[in-house]
Amino acid sequence: MDITITLSLFGQIILVVFALVLLILGVFTAYFGSGKSRIAGISLLLIGLIIGIIYVWLSHASDPGYFVNVILIPGLAYIGGAIIGAVIGFLIFILVIMKT
């Protein structure tokens, strides 16, 4: 792989994970929070959604085959697994904090 493709892939994965984390944390903050926390959660949710939409729009404009074949299909298993594991850990953390 060329170094520019590797750096591009690295940057794209950072953006995808960043957008997904903002979406997930925004949902949790909006659901569990109240008042200003709920507004902050909705803001995180919207920012994550906007970043995700912009990323998908720009990646399809440049090279849709690269996105689907390199990032989406093989990367979804890694990113999805990492996010599911992080969410489970976060839920356990929230459960422990709320019970104490």
PDB file of N, CA and C in Angstrom:
ATOM      1  N   MET A   1       0.841  -1.194   0.000  1.00  0.00           N
ATOM      2  CA  MET A   1       0.000   0.000   0.000  1.00  0.00           C
ATOM      3  C   MET A   1       0.874   1.240   0.000  1.00  0.00           C
ATOM      4  N   ASP A   2       0.437   2.219  -0.718  1.00  0.00           N
ATOM      5  CA  ASP A   2       1.132   3.494  -0.771  1.00  0.00           C
ATOM      6  C   ASP A   2       0.910   4.238   0.549  1.00  0.00           C
ATOM      7  N   ILE A   3       1.877   5.074   0.931  1.00  0.00           N
ATOM      8  CA  ILE A   3       1.784   5.798   2.206  1.00  0.00           C
ATOM      9  C   ILE A   3       0.610   6.782   2.209  1.00  0.00           C
ATOM     10  N   THR A   4       0.281   7.360   1.067  1.00  0.00           N
ATOM     11  CA  THR A   4      -0.834   8.305   1.031  1.00  0.00           C
ATOM     12  C   THR A   4      -2.159   7.577   1.220  1.00  0.00           C
ATOM     13  N   ILE A   5      -2.266   6.364   0.663  1.00  0.00           N
ATOM     14  CA  ILE A   5      -3.485   5.579   0.856  1.00  0.00           C
ATOM     15  C   ILE A   5      -3.597   5.155   2.313  1.00  0.00           C
ATOM     16  N   THR A   6      -2.474   4.786   2.928  1.00  0.00           N
ATOM     17  CA  THR A   6      -2.478   4.381   4.331  1.00  0.00           C
ATOM     18  C   THR A   6      -2.881   5.542   5.228  1.00  0.00           C
ATOM     19  N   LEU A   7      -2.327   6.724   4.990  1.00  0.00           N
ATOM     20  CA  LEU A   7      -2.691   7.889   5.791  1.00  0.00           C
ATOM     21  C   LEU A   7      -4.146   8.291   5.559  1.00  0.00           C
ATOM     22  N   SER A   8      -4.611   8.149   4.330  1.00  0.00           N
ATOM     23  CA  SER A   8      -6.002   8.453   4.026  1.00  0.00           C
ATOM     24  C   SER A   8      -6.928   7.488   4.754  1.00  0.00           C
ATOM     25  N   LEU A   9      -6.584   6.212   4.732  1.00  0.00           N
ATOM     26  CA  LEU A   9      -7.381   5.216   5.439  1.00  0.00           C
ATOM     27  C   LEU A   9      -7.377   5.479   6.937  1.00  0.00           C
ATOM     28  N   PHE A  10      -6.223   5.833   7.479  1.00  0.00           N
ATOM     29  CA  PHE A  10      -6.105   6.143   8.902  1.00  0.00           C
ATOM     30  C   PHE A  10      -6.998   7.327   9.274  1.00  0.00           C
ATOM     31  N   GLY A  11      -6.955   8.376   8.487  1.00  0.00           N
ATOM     32  CA  GLY A  11      -7.792   9.552   8.740  1.00  0.00           C
ATOM     33  C   GLY A  11      -9.271   9.245   8.608  1.00  0.00           C
ATOM     34  N   GLN A  12      -9.629   8.432   7.630  1.00  0.00           N
ATOM     35  CA  GLN A  12     -11.030   8.089   7.438  1.00  0.00           C
ATOM     36  C   GLN A  12     -11.562   7.251   8.592  1.00  0.00           C
ATOM     37  N   ILE A  13     -10.768   6.316   9.090  1.00  0.00           N
ATOM     38  CA  ILE A  13     -11.204   5.499  10.223  1.00  0.00           C
ATOM     39  C   ILE A  13     -11.355   6.365  11.461  1.00  0.00           C
ATOM     40  N   ILE A  14     -10.440   7.319  11.656  1.00  0.00           N
ATOM     41  CA  ILE A  14     -10.566   8.238  12.794  1.00  0.00           C
ATOM     42  C   ILE A  14     -11.882   9.008  12.706  1.00  0.00           C
ATOM     43  N   LEU A  15     -12.211   9.519  11.528  1.00  0.00           N
ATOM     44  CA  LEU A  15     -13.455  10.278  11.372  1.00  0.00           C
ATOM     45  C   LEU A  15     -14.688   9.414  11.594  1.00  0.00           C
ATOM     46  N   VAL A  16     -14.679   8.187  11.073  1.00  0.00           N
ATOM     47  CA  VAL A  16     -15.830   7.305  11.238  1.00  0.00           C
ATOM     48  C   VAL A  16     -16.034   6.964  12.713  1.00  0.00           C
ATOM     49  N   VAL A  17     -14.960   6.587  13.398  1.00  0.00           N
ATOM     50  CA  VAL A  17     -15.077   6.228  14.808  1.00  0.00           C
ATOM     51  C   VAL A  17     -15.453   7.452  15.641  1.00  0.00           C
ATOM     52  N   PHE A  18     -14.882   8.607  15.332  1.00  0.00           N
ATOM     53  CA  PHE A  18     -15.210   9.837  16.043  1.00  0.00           C
ATOM     54  C   PHE A  18     -16.698  10.158  15.918  1.00  0.00           C
ATOM     55  N   ALA A  19     -17.231  10.065  14.698  1.00  0.00           N
ATOM     56  CA  ALA A  19     -18.645  10.342  14.482  1.00  0.00           C
ATOM     57  C   ALA A  19     -19.525   9.333  15.220  1.00  0.00           C
ATOM     58  N   LEU A  20     -19.155   8.062  15.179  1.00  0.00           N
ATOM     59  CA  LEU A  20     -19.957   7.049  15.860  1.00  0.00           C
ATOM     60  C   LEU A  20     -19.913   7.203  17.373  1.00  0.00           C
ATOM     61  N   VAL A  21     -18.749   7.539  17.921  1.00  0.00           N
ATOM     62  CA  VAL A  21     -18.647   7.738  19.365  1.00  0.00           C
ATOM     63  C   VAL A  21     -19.480   8.945  19.794  1.00  0.00           C
ATOM     64  N   LEU A  22     -19.424  10.021  19.029  1.00  0.00           N
ATOM     65  CA  LEU A  22     -20.254  11.179  19.364  1.00  0.00           C
ATOM     66  C   LEU A  22     -21.739  10.837  19.310  1.00  0.00           C
ATOM     67  N   LEU A  23     -22.137  10.053  18.329  1.00  0.00           N
ATOM     68  CA  LEU A  23     -23.535   9.638  18.240  1.00  0.00           C
ATOM     69  C   LEU A  23     -23.947   8.815  19.459  1.00  0.00           C
ATOM     70  N   ILE A  24     -23.147   7.831  19.802  1.00  0.00           N
ATOM     71  CA  ILE A  24     -23.490   6.944  20.917  1.00  0.00           C
ATOM     72  C   ILE A  24     -23.492   7.694  22.234  1.00  0.00           C
ATOM     73  N   LEU A  25     -22.440   8.474  22.485  1.00  0.00           N
ATOM     74  CA  LEU A  25     -22.385   9.215  23.744  1.00  0.00           C
ATOM     75  C   LEU A  25     -23.461  10.300  23.802  1.00  0.00           C
ATOM     76  N   GLY A  26     -23.804  10.863  22.662  1.00  0.00           N
ATOM     77  CA  GLY A  26     -24.887  11.844  22.630  1.00  0.00           C
ATOM     78  C   GLY A  26     -26.220  11.220  22.993  1.00  0.00           C
ATOM     79  N   VAL A  27     -26.471  10.017  22.498  1.00  0.00           N
ATOM     80  CA  VAL A  27     -27.717   9.326  22.837  1.00  0.00           C
ATOM     81  C   VAL A  27     -27.756   9.020  24.330  1.00  0.00           C
ATOM     82  N   PHE A  28     -26.666   8.491  24.882  1.00  0.00           N
ATOM     83  CA  PHE A  28     -26.642   8.177  26.310  1.00  0.00           C
ATOM     84  C   PHE A  28     -26.779   9.420  27.175  1.00  0.00           C
ATOM     85  N   THR A  29     -26.097  10.495  26.793  1.00  0.00           N
ATOM     86  CA  THR A  29     -26.173  11.714  27.584  1.00  0.00           C
ATOM     87  C   THR A  29     -27.568  12.328  27.506  1.00  0.00           C
ATOM     88  N   ALA A  30     -28.160  12.303  26.321  1.00  0.00           N
ATOM     89  CA  ALA A  30     -29.511  12.855  26.182  1.00  0.00           C
ATOM     90  C   ALA A  30     -30.531  12.003  26.936  1.00  0.00           C
ATOM     91  N   TYR A  31     -30.312  10.696  26.987  1.00  0.00           N
ATOM     92  CA  TYR A  31     -31.280   9.818  27.648  1.00  0.00           C
ATOM     93  C   TYR A  31     -31.147   9.874  29.172  1.00  0.00           C
ATOM     94  N   PHE A  32     -29.908   9.793  29.668  1.00  0.00           N
ATOM     95  CA  PHE A  32     -29.693   9.743  31.112  1.00  0.00           C
ATOM     96  C   PHE A  32     -29.588  11.128  31.752  1.00  0.00           C
ATOM     97  N   GLY A  33     -29.313  12.140  30.964  1.00  0.00           N
ATOM     98  CA  GLY A  33     -29.114  13.470  31.521  1.00  0.00           C
ATOM     99  C   GLY A  33     -30.414  14.224  31.725  1.00  0.00           C
ATOM    100  N   SER A  34     -30.270  15.386  32.361  1.00  0.00           N
ATOM    101  CA  SER A  34     -31.432  16.254  32.533  1.00  0.00           C
ATOM    102  C   SER A  34     -30.952  17.700  32.444  1.00  0.00           C
ATOM    103  N   GLY A  35     -31.796  18.567  31.936  1.00  0.00           N
ATOM    104  CA  GLY A  35     -31.461  19.977  31.841  1.00  0.00           C
ATOM    105  C   GLY A  35     -30.336  20.241  30.851  1.00  0.00           C
ATOM    106  N   LYS A  36     -29.247  20.832  31.351  1.00  0.00           N
ATOM    107  CA  LYS A  36     -28.123  21.178  30.492  1.00  0.00           C
ATOM    108  C   LYS A  36     -27.421  19.944  29.939  1.00  0.00           C
ATOM    109  N   SER A  37     -27.405  18.863  30.709  1.00  0.00           N
ATOM    110  CA  SER A  37     -26.781  17.628  30.232  1.00  0.00           C
ATOM    111  C   SER A  37     -27.529  17.064  29.028  1.00  0.00           C
ATOM    112  N   ARG A  38     -28.843  17.140  29.067  1.00  0.00           N
ATOM    113  CA  ARG A  38     -29.639  16.649  27.936  1.00  0.00           C
ATOM    114  C   ARG A  38     -29.369  17.490  26.686  1.00  0.00           C
ATOM    115  N   ILE A  39     -29.260  18.796  26.856  1.00  0.00           N
ATOM    116  CA  ILE A  39     -28.947  19.675  25.718  1.00  0.00           C
ATOM    117  C   ILE A  39     -27.559  19.370  25.168  1.00  0.00           C
ATOM    118  N   ALA A  40     -26.594  19.122  26.064  1.00  0.00           N
ATOM    119  CA  ALA A  40     -25.238  18.760  25.630  1.00  0.00           C
ATOM    120  C   ALA A  40     -25.256  17.430  24.877  1.00  0.00           C
ATOM    121  N   GLY A  41     -26.056  16.469  25.337  1.00  0.00           N
ATOM    122  CA  GLY A  41     -26.167  15.187  24.652  1.00  0.00           C
ATOM    123  C   GLY A  41     -26.761  15.320  23.267  1.00  0.00           C
ATOM    124  N   ILE A  42     -27.779  16.143  23.138  1.00  0.00           N
ATOM    125  CA  ILE A  42     -28.381  16.380  21.827  1.00  0.00           C
ATOM    126  C   ILE A  42     -27.382  17.069  20.906  1.00  0.00           C
ATOM    127  N   SER A  43     -26.586  17.977  21.457  1.00  0.00           N
ATOM    128  CA  SER A  43     -25.549  18.645  20.660  1.00  0.00           C
ATOM    129  C   SER A  43     -24.511  17.640  20.175  1.00  0.00           C
ATOM    130  N   LEU A  44     -24.062  16.749  21.061  1.00  0.00           N
ATOM    131  CA  LEU A  44     -23.103  15.714  20.653  1.00  0.00           C
ATOM    132  C   LEU A  44     -23.696  14.824  19.565  1.00  0.00           C
ATOM    133  N   LEU A  45     -24.943  14.469  19.728  1.00  0.00           N
ATOM    134  CA  LEU A  45     -25.630  13.632  18.754  1.00  0.00           C
ATOM    135  C   LEU A  45     -25.681  14.312  17.391  1.00  0.00           C
ATOM    136  N   LEU A  46     -26.041  15.581  17.374  1.00  0.00           N
ATOM    137  CA  LEU A  46     -26.129  16.317  16.107  1.00  0.00           C
ATOM    138  C   LEU A  46     -24.762  16.508  15.462  1.00  0.00           C
ATOM    139  N   ILE A  47     -23.738  16.801  16.262  1.00  0.00           N
ATOM    140  CA  ILE A  47     -22.393  16.975  15.715  1.00  0.00           C
ATOM    141  C   ILE A  47     -21.897  15.667  15.111  1.00  0.00           C
ATOM    142  N   GLY A  48     -22.123  14.549  15.799  1.00  0.00           N
ATOM    143  CA  GLY A  48     -21.735  13.248  15.262  1.00  0.00           C
ATOM    144  C   GLY A  48     -22.465  12.922  13.980  1.00  0.00           C
ATOM    145  N   LEU A  49     -23.737  13.254  13.923  1.00  0.00           N
ATOM    146  CA  LEU A  49     -24.524  13.020  12.723  1.00  0.00           C
ATOM    147  C   LEU A  49     -24.028  13.873  11.557  1.00  0.00           C
ATOM    148  N   ILE A  50     -23.726  15.128  11.825  1.00  0.00           N
ATOM    149  CA  ILE A  50     -23.231  16.027  10.772  1.00  0.00           C
ATOM    150  C   ILE A  50     -21.880  15.560  10.250  1.00  0.00           C
ATOM    151  N   ILE A  51     -20.970  15.176  11.162  1.00  0.00           N
ATOM    152  CA  ILE A  51     -19.653  14.694  10.736  1.00  0.00           C
ATOM    153  C   ILE A  51     -19.802  13.425   9.896  1.00  0.00           C
ATOM    154  N   GLY A  52     -20.683  12.521  10.319  1.00  0.00           N
ATOM    155  CA  GLY A  52     -20.909  11.297   9.554  1.00  0.00           C
ATOM    156  C   GLY A  52     -21.474  11.564   8.175  1.00  0.00           C
ATOM    157  N   ILE A  53     -22.432  12.466   8.084  1.00  0.00           N
ATOM    158  CA  ILE A  53     -23.030  12.789   6.784  1.00  0.00           C
ATOM    159  C   ILE A  53     -22.004  13.449   5.863  1.00  0.00           C
ATOM    160  N   ILE A  54     -21.235  14.378   6.398  1.00  0.00           N
ATOM    161  CA  ILE A  54     -20.204  15.039   5.592  1.00  0.00           C
ATOM    162  C   ILE A  54     -19.155  14.033   5.126  1.00  0.00           C
ATOM    163  N   TYR A  55     -18.763  13.124   6.014  1.00  0.00           N
ATOM    164  CA  TYR A  55     -17.772  12.117   5.635  1.00  0.00           C
ATOM    165  C   TYR A  55     -18.289  11.220   4.519  1.00  0.00           C
ATOM    166  N   VAL A  56     -19.514  10.721   4.665  1.00  0.00           N
ATOM    167  CA  VAL A  56     -20.069   9.847   3.636  1.00  0.00           C
ATOM    168  C   VAL A  56     -20.237  10.599   2.325  1.00  0.00           C
ATOM    169  N   TRP A  57     -20.667  11.851   2.398  1.00  0.00           N
ATOM    170  CA  TRP A  57     -20.848  12.638   1.179  1.00  0.00           C
ATOM    171  C   TRP A  57     -19.513  12.871   0.473  1.00  0.00           C
ATOM    172  N   LEU A  58     -18.477  13.232   1.226  1.00  0.00           N
ATOM    173  CA  LEU A  58     -17.176  13.486   0.615  1.00  0.00           C
ATOM    174  C   LEU A  58     -16.511  12.209   0.124  1.00  0.00           C
ATOM    175  N   SER A  59     -16.676  11.119   0.823  1.00  0.00           N
ATOM    176  CA  SER A  59     -16.029   9.880   0.385  1.00  0.00           C
ATOM    177  C   SER A  59     -16.703   9.322  -0.863  1.00  0.00           C
ATOM    178  N   HIS A  60     -18.009   9.470  -0.982  1.00  0.00           N
ATOM    179  CA  HIS A  60     -18.680   9.012  -2.194  1.00  0.00           C
ATOM    180  C   HIS A  60     -18.365   9.919  -3.375  1.00  0.00           C
ATOM    181  N   ALA A  61     -18.067  11.175  -3.106  1.00  0.00           N
ATOM    182  CA  ALA A  61     -17.729  12.089  -4.192  1.00  0.00           C
ATOM    183  C   ALA A  61     -16.359  11.766  -4.763  1.00  0.00           C
ATOM    184  N   SER A  62     -15.430  11.284  -3.917  1.00  0.00           N
ATOM    185  CA  SER A  62     -14.078  11.038  -4.404  1.00  0.00           C
ATOM    186  C   SER A  62     -13.930   9.654  -5.019  1.00  0.00           C
ATOM    187  N   ASP A  63     -14.220   8.590  -4.277  1.00  0.00           N
ATOM    188  CA  ASP A  63     -14.039   7.233  -4.783  1.00  0.00           C
ATOM    189  C   ASP A  63     -14.916   6.270  -3.992  1.00  0.00           C
ATOM    190  N   PRO A  64     -16.124   6.009  -4.452  1.00  0.00           N
ATOM    191  CA  PRO A  64     -17.019   5.154  -3.680  1.00  0.00           C
ATOM    192  C   PRO A  64     -16.544   3.713  -3.569  1.00  0.00           C
ATOM    193  N   GLY A  65     -15.826   3.212  -4.560  1.00  0.00           N
ATOM    194  CA  GLY A  65     -15.334   1.842  -4.493  1.00  0.00           C
ATOM    195  C   GLY A  65     -14.313   1.662  -3.385  1.00  0.00           C
ATOM    196  N   TYR A  66     -13.469   2.657  -3.177  1.00  0.00           N
ATOM    197  CA  TYR A  66     -12.470   2.597  -2.113  1.00  0.00           C
ATOM    198  C   TYR A  66     -13.151   2.542  -0.754  1.00  0.00           C
ATOM    199  N   PHE A  67     -14.185   3.344  -0.565  1.00  0.00           N
ATOM    200  CA  PHE A  67     -14.903   3.363   0.712  1.00  0.00           C
ATOM    201  C   PHE A  67     -15.556   2.020   0.992  1.00  0.00           C
ATOM    202  N   VAL A  68     -16.255   1.480   0.015  1.00  0.00           N
ATOM    203  CA  VAL A  68     -17.001   0.236   0.229  1.00  0.00           C
ATOM    204  C   VAL A  68     -16.058  -0.948   0.376  1.00  0.00           C
ATOM    205  N   ASN A  69     -15.046  -1.056  -0.484  1.00  0.00           N
ATOM    206  CA  ASN A  69     -14.190  -2.238  -0.503  1.00  0.00           C
ATOM    207  C   ASN A  69     -13.121  -2.246   0.578  1.00  0.00           C
ATOM    208  N   VAL A  70     -12.653  -1.085   1.002  1.00  0.00           N
ATOM    209  CA  VAL A  70     -11.545  -1.047   1.965  1.00  0.00           C
ATOM    210  C   VAL A  70     -12.026  -0.722   3.366  1.00  0.00           C
ATOM    211  N   ILE A  71     -12.962   0.209   3.510  1.00  0.00           N
ATOM    212  CA  ILE A  71     -13.354   0.652   4.845  1.00  0.00           C
ATOM    213  C   ILE A  71     -14.626  -0.034   5.303  1.00  0.00           C
ATOM    214  N   LEU A  72     -15.672   0.035   4.520  1.00  0.00           N
ATOM    215  CA  LEU A  72     -16.981  -0.381   4.997  1.00  0.00           C
ATOM    216  C   LEU A  72     -17.056  -1.871   5.278  1.00  0.00           C
ATOM    217  N   ILE A  73     -16.759  -2.687   4.311  1.00  0.00           N
ATOM    218  CA  ILE A  73     -16.978  -4.122   4.470  1.00  0.00           C
ATOM    219  C   ILE A  73     -15.984  -4.751   5.449  1.00  0.00           C
ATOM    220  N   PRO A  74     -14.658  -4.676   5.214  1.00  0.00           N
ATOM    221  CA  PRO A  74     -13.761  -5.314   6.188  1.00  0.00           C
ATOM    222  C   PRO A  74     -13.623  -4.523   7.482  1.00  0.00           C
ATOM    223  N   GLY A  75     -13.683  -3.210   7.380  1.00  0.00           N
ATOM    224  CA  GLY A  75     -13.490  -2.391   8.570  1.00  0.00           C
ATOM    225  C   GLY A  75     -14.682  -2.379   9.502  1.00  0.00           C
ATOM    226  N   LEU A  76     -15.866  -2.688   8.971  1.00  0.00           N
ATOM    227  CA  LEU A  76     -17.066  -2.671   9.795  1.00  0.00           C
ATOM    228  C   LEU A  76     -16.996  -3.715  10.903  1.00  0.00           C
ATOM    229  N   ALA A  77     -16.383  -4.845  10.625  1.00  0.00           N
ATOM    230  CA  ALA A  77     -16.257  -5.875  11.652  1.00  0.00           C
ATOM    231  C   ALA A  77     -15.362  -5.388  12.787  1.00  0.00           C
ATOM    232  N   TYR A  78     -14.234  -4.771  12.452  1.00  0.00           N
ATOM    233  CA  TYR A  78     -13.317  -4.283  13.477  1.00  0.00           C
ATOM    234  C   TYR A  78     -13.915  -3.103  14.244  1.00  0.00           C
ATOM    235  N   ILE A  79     -14.407  -2.124  13.498  1.00  0.00           N
ATOM    236  CA  ILE A  79     -14.972  -0.935  14.136  1.00  0.00           C
ATOM    237  C   ILE A  79     -16.241  -1.300  14.911  1.00  0.00           C
ATOM    238  N   GLY A  80     -17.086  -2.106  14.304  1.00  0.00           N
ATOM    239  CA  GLY A  80     -18.313  -2.519  14.976  1.00  0.00           C
ATOM    240  C   GLY A  80     -18.034  -3.311  16.240  1.00  0.00           C
ATOM    241  N   GLY A  81     -17.081  -4.224  16.161  1.00  0.00           N
ATOM    242  CA  GLY A  81     -16.715  -4.995  17.343  1.00  0.00           C
ATOM    243  C   GLY A  81     -16.150  -4.119  18.444  1.00  0.00           C
ATOM    244  N   ALA A  82     -15.315  -3.158  18.066  1.00  0.00           N
ATOM    245  CA  ALA A  82     -14.739  -2.245  19.058  1.00  0.00           C
ATOM    246  C   ALA A  82     -15.812  -1.382  19.696  1.00  0.00           C
ATOM    247  N   ILE A  83     -16.732  -0.907  18.899  1.00  0.00           N
ATOM    248  CA  ILE A  83     -17.795  -0.052  19.428  1.00  0.00           C
ATOM    249  C   ILE A  83     -18.743  -0.852  20.318  1.00  0.00           C
ATOM    250  N   ILE A  84     -19.086  -2.057  19.899  1.00  0.00           N
ATOM    251  CA  ILE A  84     -19.967  -2.887  20.727  1.00  0.00           C
ATOM    252  C   ILE A  84     -19.297  -3.196  22.059  1.00  0.00           C
ATOM    253  N   GLY A  85     -18.009  -3.529  22.024  1.00  0.00           N
ATOM    254  CA  GLY A  85     -17.285  -3.775  23.265  1.00  0.00           C
ATOM    255  C   GLY A  85     -17.222  -2.543  24.146  1.00  0.00           C
ATOM    256  N   ALA A  86     -17.000  -1.388  23.538  1.00  0.00           N
ATOM    257  CA  ALA A  86     -16.946  -0.143  24.308  1.00  0.00           C
ATOM    258  C   ALA A  86     -18.308   0.190  24.908  1.00  0.00           C
ATOM    259  N   VAL A  87     -19.372  -0.033  24.157  1.00  0.00           N
ATOM    260  CA  VAL A  87     -20.717   0.244  24.663  1.00  0.00           C
ATOM    261  C   VAL A  87     -21.046  -0.682  25.823  1.00  0.00           C
ATOM    262  N   ILE A  88     -20.707  -1.965  25.705  1.00  0.00           N
ATOM    263  CA  ILE A  88     -20.964  -2.900  26.804  1.00  0.00           C
ATOM    264  C   ILE A  88     -20.190  -2.484  28.046  1.00  0.00           C
ATOM    265  N   GLY A  89     -18.914  -2.128  27.864  1.00  0.00           N
ATOM    266  CA  GLY A  89     -18.131  -1.649  28.999  1.00  0.00           C
ATOM    267  C   GLY A  89     -18.696  -0.373  29.594  1.00  0.00           C
ATOM    268  N   PHE A  90     -19.148   0.533  28.742  1.00  0.00           N
ATOM    269  CA  PHE A  90     -19.736   1.786  29.210  1.00  0.00           C
ATOM    270  C   PHE A  90     -21.038   1.524  29.966  1.00  0.00           C
ATOM    271  N   LEU A  91     -21.852   0.593  29.476  1.00  0.00           N
ATOM    272  CA  LEU A  91     -23.097   0.268  30.164  1.00  0.00           C
ATOM    273  C   LEU A  91     -22.843  -0.350  31.534  1.00  0.00           C
ATOM    274  N   ILE A  92     -21.839  -1.209  31.621  1.00  0.00           N
ATOM    275  CA  ILE A  92     -21.483  -1.779  32.915  1.00  0.00           C
ATOM    276  C   ILE A  92     -20.993  -0.678  33.862  1.00  0.00           C
ATOM    277  N   PHE A  93     -20.202   0.239  33.330  1.00  0.00           N
ATOM    278  CA  PHE A  93     -19.721   1.375  34.133  1.00  0.00           C
ATOM    279  C   PHE A  93     -20.900   2.200  34.636  1.00  0.00           C
ATOM    280  N   ILE A  94     -21.842   2.527  33.762  1.00  0.00           N
ATOM    281  CA  ILE A  94     -23.025   3.298  34.157  1.00  0.00           C
ATOM    282  C   ILE A  94     -23.839   2.534  35.203  1.00  0.00           C
ATOM    283  N   LEU A  95     -23.991   1.231  35.012  1.00  0.00           N
ATOM    284  CA  LEU A  95     -24.753   0.419  35.966  1.00  0.00           C
ATOM    285  C   LEU A  95     -24.096   0.439  37.344  1.00  0.00           C
ATOM    286  N   VAL A  96     -22.790   0.290  37.369  1.00  0.00           N
ATOM    287  CA  VAL A  96     -22.074   0.292  38.650  1.00  0.00           C
ATOM    288  C   VAL A  96     -22.159   1.665  39.320  1.00  0.00           C
ATOM    289  N   ILE A  97     -21.989   2.720  38.537  1.00  0.00           N
ATOM    290  CA  ILE A  97     -22.040   4.077  39.088  1.00  0.00           C
ATOM    291  C   ILE A  97     -23.440   4.388  39.609  1.00  0.00           C
ATOM    292  N   MET A  98     -24.470   3.971  38.895  1.00  0.00           N
ATOM    293  CA  MET A  98     -25.839   4.285  39.309  1.00  0.00           C
ATOM    294  C   MET A  98     -26.245   3.468  40.551  1.00  0.00           C
ATOM    295  N   LYS A  99     -25.682   2.288  40.737  1.00  0.00           N
ATOM    296  CA  LYS A  99     -26.041   1.440  41.873  1.00  0.00           C
ATOM    297  C   LYS A  99     -25.290   1.846  43.153  1.00  0.00           C
ATOM    298  N   THR A 100     -24.200   2.599  43.028  1.00  0.00           N
ATOM    299  CA  THR A 100     -23.430   2.980  44.226  1.00  0.00           C
ATOM    300  C   THR A 100     -23.878   4.307  44.765  1.00  0.00           C
TER     301      THR A 100
END
